Amino acid sequence: MSTSKSLRNHLKVLEERHRELDKKVAEDYEHYLNDDQLNAEKLEKLKLKHEIADLIEQIKDKEQEEK
């Protein structure tokens, strides 16, 4: 079972990946990248956002258990 500390570390990694992908999407948009590739990047970014939200809920639950 994961600890809240390990979940927080994982959250940091996901947030960093999301920020990097956000920058990439912005750059690719400015350089008129292929729409299919840009849409795939946006979809990946959205999936990361959902994963981050789920992880935040897991952390809240875990911290409640640890109290």
PDB file of N, CA and C in Angstrom:
ATOM      1  N   MET A   1       0.838  -1.180   0.000  1.00  0.00           N
ATOM      2  CA  MET A   1       0.000   0.000   0.000  1.00  0.00           C
ATOM      3  C   MET A   1       0.881   1.240   0.000  1.00  0.00           C
ATOM      4  N   SER A   2       0.479   2.231  -0.745  1.00  0.00           N
ATOM      5  CA  SER A   2       1.248   3.465  -0.892  1.00  0.00           C
ATOM      6  C   SER A   2       1.064   4.364   0.332  1.00  0.00           C
ATOM      7  N   THR A   3       2.102   5.101   0.625  1.00  0.00           N
ATOM      8  CA  THR A   3       2.007   6.091   1.684  1.00  0.00           C
ATOM      9  C   THR A   3       1.649   7.434   1.068  1.00  0.00           C
ATOM     10  N   SER A   4       1.209   8.355   1.897  1.00  0.00           N
ATOM     11  CA  SER A   4       0.873   9.678   1.361  1.00  0.00           C
ATOM     12  C   SER A   4       2.117  10.355   0.790  1.00  0.00           C
ATOM     13  N   LYS A   5       3.287  10.067   1.367  1.00  0.00           N
ATOM     14  CA  LYS A   5       4.527  10.661   0.861  1.00  0.00           C
ATOM     15  C   LYS A   5       4.830  10.140  -0.551  1.00  0.00           C
ATOM     16  N   SER A   6       4.695   8.848  -0.768  1.00  0.00           N
ATOM     17  CA  SER A   6       4.967   8.299  -2.097  1.00  0.00           C
ATOM     18  C   SER A   6       3.938   8.794  -3.117  1.00  0.00           C
ATOM     19  N   LEU A   7       2.693   8.957  -2.675  1.00  0.00           N
ATOM     20  CA  LEU A   7       1.663   9.492  -3.566  1.00  0.00           C
ATOM     21  C   LEU A   7       1.972  10.945  -3.934  1.00  0.00           C
ATOM     22  N   ARG A   8       2.461  11.712  -2.963  1.00  0.00           N
ATOM     23  CA  ARG A   8       2.824  13.107  -3.237  1.00  0.00           C
ATOM     24  C   ARG A   8       4.003  13.193  -4.215  1.00  0.00           C
ATOM     25  N   ASN A   9       4.963  12.296  -4.067  1.00  0.00           N
ATOM     26  CA  ASN A   9       6.092  12.258  -5.003  1.00  0.00           C
ATOM     27  C   ASN A   9       5.602  11.946  -6.412  1.00  0.00           C
ATOM     28  N   HIS A  10       4.701  10.996  -6.519  1.00  0.00           N
ATOM     29  CA  HIS A  10       4.133  10.640  -7.823  1.00  0.00           C
ATOM     30  C   HIS A  10       3.364  11.829  -8.398  1.00  0.00           C
ATOM     31  N   LEU A  11       2.650  12.542  -7.544  1.00  0.00           N
ATOM     32  CA  LEU A  11       1.907  13.720  -7.971  1.00  0.00           C
ATOM     33  C   LEU A  11       2.849  14.768  -8.560  1.00  0.00           C
ATOM     34  N   LYS A  12       3.978  14.989  -7.917  1.00  0.00           N
ATOM     35  CA  LYS A  12       4.957  15.956  -8.426  1.00  0.00           C
ATOM     36  C   LYS A  12       5.437  15.574  -9.826  1.00  0.00           C
ATOM     37  N   VAL A  13       5.687  14.299 -10.032  1.00  0.00           N
ATOM     38  CA  VAL A  13       6.135  13.809 -11.340  1.00  0.00           C
ATOM     39  C   VAL A  13       5.055  14.057 -12.398  1.00  0.00           C
ATOM     40  N   LEU A  14       3.820  13.735 -12.063  1.00  0.00           N
ATOM     41  CA  LEU A  14       2.727  13.928 -13.017  1.00  0.00           C
ATOM     42  C   LEU A  14       2.518  15.406 -13.325  1.00  0.00           C
ATOM     43  N   GLU A  15       2.598  16.251 -12.308  1.00  0.00           N
ATOM     44  CA  GLU A  15       2.431  17.687 -12.534  1.00  0.00           C
ATOM     45  C   GLU A  15       3.539  18.240 -13.431  1.00  0.00           C
ATOM     46  N   GLU A  16       4.754  17.754 -13.252  1.00  0.00           N
ATOM     47  CA  GLU A  16       5.868  18.201 -14.097  1.00  0.00           C
ATOM     48  C   GLU A  16       5.646  17.739 -15.542  1.00  0.00           C
ATOM     49  N   ARG A  17       5.220  16.487 -15.731  1.00  0.00           N
ATOM     50  CA  ARG A  17       4.928  15.997 -17.083  1.00  0.00           C
ATOM     51  C   ARG A  17       3.823  16.837 -17.723  1.00  0.00           C
ATOM     52  N   HIS A  18       2.815  17.201 -16.941  1.00  0.00           N
ATOM     53  CA  HIS A  18       1.709  18.010 -17.452  1.00  0.00           C
ATOM     54  C   HIS A  18       2.207  19.387 -17.884  1.00  0.00           C
ATOM     55  N   ARG A  19       3.068  20.008 -17.070  1.00  0.00           N
ATOM     56  CA  ARG A  19       3.623  21.321 -17.427  1.00  0.00           C
ATOM     57  C   ARG A  19       4.451  21.241 -18.708  1.00  0.00           C
ATOM     58  N   GLU A  20       5.281  20.199 -18.819  1.00  0.00           N
ATOM     59  CA  GLU A  20       6.110  20.034 -20.014  1.00  0.00           C
ATOM     60  C   GLU A  20       5.239  19.831 -21.249  1.00  0.00           C
ATOM     61  N   LEU A  21       4.209  19.032 -21.109  1.00  0.00           N
ATOM     62  CA  LEU A  21       3.312  18.775 -22.237  1.00  0.00           C
ATOM     63  C   LEU A  21       2.542  20.052 -22.603  1.00  0.00           C
ATOM     64  N   ASP A  22       2.179  20.842 -21.611  1.00  0.00           N
ATOM     65  CA  ASP A  22       1.500  22.108 -21.867  1.00  0.00           C
ATOM     66  C   ASP A  22       2.390  23.029 -22.705  1.00  0.00           C
ATOM     67  N   LYS A  23       3.659  23.097 -22.359  1.00  0.00           N
ATOM     68  CA  LYS A  23       4.609  23.907 -23.133  1.00  0.00           C
ATOM     69  C   LYS A  23       4.736  23.381 -24.555  1.00  0.00           C
ATOM     70  N   LYS A  24       4.808  22.055 -24.677  1.00  0.00           N
ATOM     71  CA  LYS A  24       4.952  21.435 -25.998  1.00  0.00           C
ATOM     72  C   LYS A  24       3.731  21.725 -26.869  1.00  0.00           C
ATOM     73  N   VAL A  25       2.541  21.622 -26.294  1.00  0.00           N
ATOM     74  CA  VAL A  25       1.315  21.905 -27.046  1.00  0.00           C
ATOM     75  C   VAL A  25       1.328  23.354 -27.534  1.00  0.00           C
ATOM     76  N   ALA A  26       1.716  24.275 -26.658  1.00  0.00           N
ATOM     77  CA  ALA A  26       1.755  25.692 -27.035  1.00  0.00           C
ATOM     78  C   ALA A  26       2.767  25.927 -28.162  1.00  0.00           C
ATOM     79  N   GLU A  27       3.938  25.319 -28.046  1.00  0.00           N
ATOM     80  CA  GLU A  27       4.962  25.470 -29.086  1.00  0.00           C
ATOM     81  C   GLU A  27       4.498  24.869 -30.406  1.00  0.00           C
ATOM     82  N   ASP A  28       3.935  23.671 -30.333  1.00  0.00           N
ATOM     83  CA  ASP A  28       3.481  23.001 -31.552  1.00  0.00           C
ATOM     84  C   ASP A  28       2.345  23.772 -32.214  1.00  0.00           C
ATOM     85  N   TYR A  29       1.490  24.380 -31.409  1.00  0.00           N
ATOM     86  CA  TYR A  29       0.398  25.181 -31.962  1.00  0.00           C
ATOM     87  C   TYR A  29       0.960  26.397 -32.700  1.00  0.00           C
ATOM     88  N   GLU A  30       1.941  27.048 -32.089  1.00  0.00           N
ATOM     89  CA  GLU A  30       2.548  28.224 -32.717  1.00  0.00           C
ATOM     90  C   GLU A  30       3.267  27.882 -34.015  1.00  0.00           C
ATOM     91  N   HIS A  31       3.784  26.662 -34.107  1.00  0.00           N
ATOM     92  CA  HIS A  31       4.527  26.247 -35.297  1.00  0.00           C
ATOM     93  C   HIS A  31       3.654  25.459 -36.272  1.00  0.00           C
ATOM     94  N   TYR A  32       2.327  25.537 -36.075  1.00  0.00           N
ATOM     95  CA  TYR A  32       1.373  24.909 -37.004  1.00  0.00           C
ATOM     96  C   TYR A  32       1.637  23.427 -37.232  1.00  0.00           C
ATOM     97  N   LEU A  33       1.784  22.724 -36.136  1.00  0.00           N
ATOM     98  CA  LEU A  33       2.003  21.277 -36.199  1.00  0.00           C
ATOM     99  C   LEU A  33       0.759  20.585 -36.752  1.00  0.00           C
ATOM    100  N   ASN A  34       0.942  19.417 -37.270  1.00  0.00           N
ATOM    101  CA  ASN A  34      -0.138  18.580 -37.771  1.00  0.00           C
ATOM    102  C   ASN A  34      -1.261  18.508 -36.734  1.00  0.00           C
ATOM    103  N   ASP A  35      -2.493  18.724 -37.176  1.00  0.00           N
ATOM    104  CA  ASP A  35      -3.642  18.727 -36.266  1.00  0.00           C
ATOM    105  C   ASP A  35      -3.804  17.409 -35.523  1.00  0.00           C
ATOM    106  N   ASP A  36      -3.572  16.294 -36.188  1.00  0.00           N
ATOM    107  CA  ASP A  36      -3.723  14.988 -35.543  1.00  0.00           C
ATOM    108  C   ASP A  36      -2.735  14.837 -34.393  1.00  0.00           C
ATOM    109  N   GLN A  37      -1.507  15.257 -34.616  1.00  0.00           N
ATOM    110  CA  GLN A  37      -0.493  15.148 -33.572  1.00  0.00           C
ATOM    111  C   GLN A  37      -0.802  16.109 -32.426  1.00  0.00           C
ATOM    112  N   LEU A  38      -1.238  17.306 -32.747  1.00  0.00           N
ATOM    113  CA  LEU A  38      -1.590  18.286 -31.722  1.00  0.00           C
ATOM    114  C   LEU A  38      -2.776  17.792 -30.891  1.00  0.00           C
ATOM    115  N   ASN A  39      -3.764  17.225 -31.542  1.00  0.00           N
ATOM    116  CA  ASN A  39      -4.915  16.677 -30.821  1.00  0.00           C
ATOM    117  C   ASN A  39      -4.507  15.524 -29.918  1.00  0.00           C
ATOM    118  N   ALA A  40      -3.576  14.694 -30.380  1.00  0.00           N
ATOM    119  CA  ALA A  40      -3.089  13.586 -29.544  1.00  0.00           C
ATOM    120  C   ALA A  40      -2.386  14.125 -28.301  1.00  0.00           C
ATOM    121  N   GLU A  41      -1.599  15.177 -28.469  1.00  0.00           N
ATOM    122  CA  GLU A  41      -0.915  15.787 -27.323  1.00  0.00           C
ATOM    123  C   GLU A  41      -1.928  16.380 -26.345  1.00  0.00           C
ATOM    124  N   LYS A  42      -2.958  17.023 -26.870  1.00  0.00           N
ATOM    125  CA  LYS A  42      -3.981  17.608 -26.013  1.00  0.00           C
ATOM    126  C   LYS A  42      -4.739  16.523 -25.252  1.00  0.00           C
ATOM    127  N   LEU A  43      -5.006  15.413 -25.919  1.00  0.00           N
ATOM    128  CA  LEU A  43      -5.691  14.298 -25.263  1.00  0.00           C
ATOM    129  C   LEU A  43      -4.816  13.710 -24.152  1.00  0.00           C
ATOM    130  N   GLU A  44      -3.534  13.567 -24.416  1.00  0.00           N
ATOM    131  CA  GLU A  44      -2.613  13.064 -23.388  1.00  0.00           C
ATOM    132  C   GLU A  44      -2.573  14.019 -22.201  1.00  0.00           C
ATOM    133  N   LYS A  45      -2.568  15.307 -22.478  1.00  0.00           N
ATOM    134  CA  LYS A  45      -2.562  16.321 -21.422  1.00  0.00           C
ATOM    135  C   LYS A  45      -3.838  16.218 -20.580  1.00  0.00           C
ATOM    136  N   LEU A  46      -4.971  16.018 -21.223  1.00  0.00           N
ATOM    137  CA  LEU A  46      -6.237  15.873 -20.509  1.00  0.00           C
ATOM    138  C   LEU A  46      -6.230  14.619 -19.634  1.00  0.00           C
ATOM    139  N   LYS A  47      -5.696  13.526 -20.157  1.00  0.00           N
ATOM    140  CA  LYS A  47      -5.611  12.293 -19.366  1.00  0.00           C
ATOM    141  C   LYS A  47      -4.740  12.506 -18.132  1.00  0.00           C
ATOM    142  N   LEU A  48      -3.637  13.229 -18.307  1.00  0.00           N
ATOM    143  CA  LEU A  48      -2.773  13.536 -17.163  1.00  0.00           C
ATOM    144  C   LEU A  48      -3.521  14.377 -16.134  1.00  0.00           C
ATOM    145  N   LYS A  49      -4.304  15.326 -16.607  1.00  0.00           N
ATOM    146  CA  LYS A  49      -5.065  16.185 -15.696  1.00  0.00           C
ATOM    147  C   LYS A  49      -6.022  15.345 -14.859  1.00  0.00           C
ATOM    148  N   HIS A  50      -6.691  14.394 -15.490  1.00  0.00           N
ATOM    149  CA  HIS A  50      -7.612  13.511 -14.764  1.00  0.00           C
ATOM    150  C   HIS A  50      -6.848  12.622 -13.783  1.00  0.00           C
ATOM    151  N   GLU A  51      -5.706  12.122 -14.200  1.00  0.00           N
ATOM    152  CA  GLU A  51      -4.892  11.281 -13.324  1.00  0.00           C
ATOM    153  C   GLU A  51      -4.422  12.086 -12.106  1.00  0.00           C
ATOM    154  N   ILE A  52      -4.047  13.333 -12.326  1.00  0.00           N
ATOM    155  CA  ILE A  52      -3.619  14.208 -11.232  1.00  0.00           C
ATOM    156  C   ILE A  52      -4.782  14.430 -10.261  1.00  0.00           C
ATOM    157  N   ALA A  53      -5.957  14.701 -10.778  1.00  0.00           N
ATOM    158  CA  ALA A  53      -7.128  14.928  -9.924  1.00  0.00           C
ATOM    159  C   ALA A  53      -7.445  13.684  -9.095  1.00  0.00           C
ATOM    160  N   ASP A  54      -7.378  12.518  -9.716  1.00  0.00           N
ATOM    161  CA  ASP A  54      -7.621  11.267  -8.998  1.00  0.00           C
ATOM    162  C   ASP A  54      -6.576  11.053  -7.901  1.00  0.00           C
ATOM    163  N   LEU A  55      -5.342  11.361  -8.214  1.00  0.00           N
ATOM    164  CA  LEU A  55      -4.263  11.180  -7.254  1.00  0.00           C
ATOM    165  C   LEU A  55      -4.422  12.135  -6.067  1.00  0.00           C
ATOM    166  N   ILE A  56      -4.856  13.343  -6.326  1.00  0.00           N
ATOM    167  CA  ILE A  56      -5.099  14.295  -5.236  1.00  0.00           C
ATOM    168  C   ILE A  56      -6.163  13.752  -4.286  1.00  0.00           C
ATOM    169  N   GLU A  57      -7.204  13.153  -4.829  1.00  0.00           N
ATOM    170  CA  GLU A  57      -8.242  12.545  -3.995  1.00  0.00           C
ATOM    171  C   GLU A  57      -7.677  11.375  -3.186  1.00  0.00           C
ATOM    172  N   GLN A  58      -6.835  10.563  -3.803  1.00  0.00           N
ATOM    173  CA  GLN A  58      -6.206   9.442  -3.090  1.00  0.00           C
ATOM    174  C   GLN A  58      -5.353   9.954  -1.932  1.00  0.00           C
ATOM    175  N   ILE A  59      -4.636  11.036  -2.174  1.00  0.00           N
ATOM    176  CA  ILE A  59      -3.785  11.616  -1.128  1.00  0.00           C
ATOM    177  C   ILE A  59      -4.647  12.105   0.032  1.00  0.00           C
ATOM    178  N   LYS A  60      -5.744  12.787  -0.276  1.00  0.00           N
ATOM    179  CA  LYS A  60      -6.644  13.260   0.778  1.00  0.00           C
ATOM    180  C   LYS A  60      -7.177  12.089   1.608  1.00  0.00           C
ATOM    181  N   ASP A  61      -7.597  11.033   0.917  1.00  0.00           N
ATOM    182  CA  ASP A  61      -8.112   9.848   1.609  1.00  0.00           C
ATOM    183  C   ASP A  61      -7.037   9.212   2.481  1.00  0.00           C
ATOM    184  N   LYS A  62      -5.843   9.099   1.938  1.00  0.00           N
ATOM    185  CA  LYS A  62      -4.728   8.474   2.656  1.00  0.00           C
ATOM    186  C   LYS A  62      -4.376   9.283   3.903  1.00  0.00           C
ATOM    187  N   GLU A  63      -4.365  10.609   3.757  1.00  0.00           N
ATOM    188  CA  GLU A  63      -4.019  11.453   4.901  1.00  0.00           C
ATOM    189  C   GLU A  63      -5.096  11.370   5.985  1.00  0.00           C
ATOM    190  N   GLN A  64      -6.342  11.198   5.586  1.00  0.00           N
ATOM    191  CA  GLN A  64      -7.418  11.011   6.573  1.00  0.00           C
ATOM    192  C   GLN A  64      -7.235   9.698   7.329  1.00  0.00           C
ATOM    193  N   GLU A  65      -6.816   8.660   6.611  1.00  0.00           N
ATOM    194  CA  GLU A  65      -6.572   7.358   7.247  1.00  0.00           C
ATOM    195  C   GLU A  65      -5.427   7.427   8.230  1.00  0.00           C
ATOM    196  N   GLU A  66      -4.395   8.224   7.901  1.00  0.00           N
ATOM    197  CA  GLU A  66      -3.200   8.288   8.716  1.00  0.00           C
ATOM    198  C   GLU A  66      -3.392   9.132   9.980  1.00  0.00           C
ATOM    199  N   LYS A  67      -4.492   9.861  10.075  1.00  0.00           N
ATOM    200  CA  LYS A  67      -4.727  10.712  11.255  1.00  0.00           C
ATOM    201  C   LYS A  67      -5.166   9.906  12.441  1.00  0.00           C
TER     202      LYS A  67
END
